Amino acid sequence: NVKTSASLEELLEADAWARKEVKRKVHKSIRA
């Protein structure tokens, strides 16, 4: 199912972005 794989890729992309954002925020708070 093309639709399912597309949404799965979107979820993975969103997850990867969220992880990057969390790392960035944690890094900032550690340095602060």
PDB file of N, CA and C in Angstrom:
ATOM      1  N   ASN A   1       0.844  -1.197   0.000  1.00  0.00           N
ATOM      2  CA  ASN A   1       0.000   0.000   0.000  1.00  0.00           C
ATOM      3  C   ASN A   1       0.886   1.256   0.000  1.00  0.00           C
ATOM      4  N   VAL A   2       0.799   2.010  -1.082  1.00  0.00           N
ATOM      5  CA  VAL A   2       1.653   3.189  -1.237  1.00  0.00           C
ATOM      6  C   VAL A   2       1.352   4.224  -0.157  1.00  0.00           C
ATOM      7  N   LYS A   3       0.064   4.403   0.142  1.00  0.00           N
ATOM      8  CA  LYS A   3      -0.332   5.410   1.116  1.00  0.00           C
ATOM      9  C   LYS A   3       0.273   5.093   2.492  1.00  0.00           C
ATOM     10  N   THR A   4       0.244   3.823   2.867  1.00  0.00           N
ATOM     11  CA  THR A   4       0.764   3.426   4.172  1.00  0.00           C
ATOM     12  C   THR A   4       2.256   3.687   4.257  1.00  0.00           C
ATOM     13  N   SER A   5       2.999   3.294   3.222  1.00  0.00           N
ATOM     14  CA  SER A   5       4.456   3.479   3.261  1.00  0.00           C
ATOM     15  C   SER A   5       4.808   4.963   3.269  1.00  0.00           C
ATOM     16  N   ALA A   6       4.011   5.771   2.588  1.00  0.00           N
ATOM     17  CA  ALA A   6       4.280   7.205   2.548  1.00  0.00           C
ATOM     18  C   ALA A   6       4.087   7.817   3.936  1.00  0.00           C
ATOM     19  N   SER A   7       2.995   7.440   4.601  1.00  0.00           N
ATOM     20  CA  SER A   7       2.748   8.000   5.933  1.00  0.00           C
ATOM     21  C   SER A   7       3.776   7.471   6.927  1.00  0.00           C
ATOM     22  N   LEU A   8       4.234   6.237   6.709  1.00  0.00           N
ATOM     23  CA  LEU A   8       5.250   5.672   7.592  1.00  0.00           C
ATOM     24  C   LEU A   8       6.548   6.456   7.450  1.00  0.00           C
ATOM     25  N   GLU A   9       6.898   6.787   6.232  1.00  0.00           N
ATOM     26  CA  GLU A   9       8.110   7.589   5.998  1.00  0.00           C
ATOM     27  C   GLU A   9       7.959   8.959   6.645  1.00  0.00           C
ATOM     28  N   GLU A  10       6.765   9.530   6.564  1.00  0.00           N
ATOM     29  CA  GLU A  10       6.530  10.839   7.188  1.00  0.00           C
ATOM     30  C   GLU A  10       6.697  10.752   8.695  1.00  0.00           C
ATOM     31  N   LEU A  11       6.189   9.653   9.273  1.00  0.00           N
ATOM     32  CA  LEU A  11       6.318   9.475  10.718  1.00  0.00           C
ATOM     33  C   LEU A  11       7.779   9.357  11.114  1.00  0.00           C
ATOM     34  N   LEU A  12       8.539   8.578  10.348  1.00  0.00           N
ATOM     35  CA  LEU A  12       9.956   8.402  10.653  1.00  0.00           C
ATOM     36  C   LEU A  12      10.692   9.730  10.536  1.00  0.00           C
ATOM     37  N   GLU A  13      10.323  10.503   9.516  1.00  0.00           N
ATOM     38  CA  GLU A  13      10.964  11.803   9.324  1.00  0.00           C
ATOM     39  C   GLU A  13      10.634  12.742  10.480  1.00  0.00           C
ATOM     40  N   ALA A  14       9.368  12.742  10.895  1.00  0.00           N
ATOM     41  CA  ALA A  14       8.946  13.589  12.003  1.00  0.00           C
ATOM     42  C   ALA A  14       9.650  13.155  13.286  1.00  0.00           C
ATOM     43  N   ASP A  15       9.806  11.837  13.461  1.00  0.00           N
ATOM     44  CA  ASP A  15      10.471  11.318  14.653  1.00  0.00           C
ATOM     45  C   ASP A  15      11.931  11.744  14.671  1.00  0.00           C
ATOM     46  N   ALA A  16      12.588  11.624  13.525  1.00  0.00           N
ATOM     47  CA  ALA A  16      14.000  12.007  13.440  1.00  0.00           C
ATOM     48  C   ALA A  16      14.154  13.505  13.727  1.00  0.00           C
ATOM     49  N   TRP A  17      13.225  14.313  13.199  1.00  0.00           N
ATOM     50  CA  TRP A  17      13.288  15.757  13.425  1.00  0.00           C
ATOM     51  C   TRP A  17      13.075  16.073  14.901  1.00  0.00           C
ATOM     52  N   ALA A  18      12.122  15.383  15.522  1.00  0.00           N
ATOM     53  CA  ALA A  18      11.828  15.614  16.935  1.00  0.00           C
ATOM     54  C   ALA A  18      13.045  15.279  17.788  1.00  0.00           C
ATOM     55  N   ARG A  19      13.722  14.167  17.447  1.00  0.00           N
ATOM     56  CA  ARG A  19      14.914  13.783  18.203  1.00  0.00           C
ATOM     57  C   ARG A  19      15.998  14.852  18.083  1.00  0.00           C
ATOM     58  N   LYS A  20      16.163  15.389  16.882  1.00  0.00           N
ATOM     59  CA  LYS A  20      17.168  16.440  16.669  1.00  0.00           C
ATOM     60  C   LYS A  20      16.821  17.665  17.501  1.00  0.00           C
ATOM     61  N   GLU A  21      15.529  18.030  17.505  1.00  0.00           N
ATOM     62  CA  GLU A  21      15.093  19.201  18.264  1.00  0.00           C
ATOM     63  C   GLU A  21      15.357  18.997  19.746  1.00  0.00           C
ATOM     64  N   VAL A  22      15.058  17.807  20.256  1.00  0.00           N
ATOM     65  CA  VAL A  22      15.273  17.525  21.676  1.00  0.00           C
ATOM     66  C   VAL A  22      16.758  17.621  22.003  1.00  0.00           C
ATOM     67  N   LYS A  23      17.588  17.036  21.148  1.00  0.00           N
ATOM     68  CA  LYS A  23      19.036  17.089  21.377  1.00  0.00           C
ATOM     69  C   LYS A  23      19.526  18.531  21.388  1.00  0.00           C
ATOM     70  N   ARG A  24      18.996  19.339  20.468  1.00  0.00           N
ATOM     71  CA  ARG A  24      19.402  20.736  20.367  1.00  0.00           C
ATOM     72  C   ARG A  24      19.014  21.493  21.642  1.00  0.00           C
ATOM     73  N   LYS A  25      17.783  21.256  22.123  1.00  0.00           N
ATOM     74  CA  LYS A  25      17.313  21.942  23.321  1.00  0.00           C
ATOM     75  C   LYS A  25      18.097  21.495  24.545  1.00  0.00           C
ATOM     76  N   VAL A  26      18.368  20.201  24.642  1.00  0.00           N
ATOM     77  CA  VAL A  26      19.137  19.681  25.781  1.00  0.00           C
ATOM     78  C   VAL A  26      20.539  20.280  25.760  1.00  0.00           C
ATOM     79  N   HIS A  27      21.118  20.334  24.569  1.00  0.00           N
ATOM     80  CA  HIS A  27      22.466  20.885  24.426  1.00  0.00           C
ATOM     81  C   HIS A  27      22.495  22.340  24.893  1.00  0.00           C
ATOM     82  N   LYS A  28      21.466  23.096  24.507  1.00  0.00           N
ATOM     83  CA  LYS A  28      21.387  24.505  24.908  1.00  0.00           C
ATOM     84  C   LYS A  28      21.265  24.629  26.418  1.00  0.00           C
ATOM     85  N   SER A  29      20.410  23.800  27.026  1.00  0.00           N
ATOM     86  CA  SER A  29      20.198  23.921  28.471  1.00  0.00           C
ATOM     87  C   SER A  29      21.440  23.487  29.242  1.00  0.00           C
ATOM     88  N   ILE A  30      22.195  22.542  28.697  1.00  0.00           N
ATOM     89  CA  ILE A  30      23.432  22.111  29.360  1.00  0.00           C
ATOM     90  C   ILE A  30      24.453  23.250  29.321  1.00  0.00           C
ATOM     91  N   ARG A  31      24.549  23.920  28.181  1.00  0.00           N
ATOM     92  CA  ARG A  31      25.531  25.004  28.028  1.00  0.00           C
ATOM     93  C   ARG A  31      25.117  26.241  28.807  1.00  0.00           C
ATOM     94  N   ALA A  32      23.818  26.425  28.993  1.00  0.00           N
ATOM     95  CA  ALA A  32      23.334  27.637  29.652  1.00  0.00           C
ATOM     96  C   ALA A  32      23.736  27.696  31.125  1.00  0.00           C
TER      97      ALA A  32
END
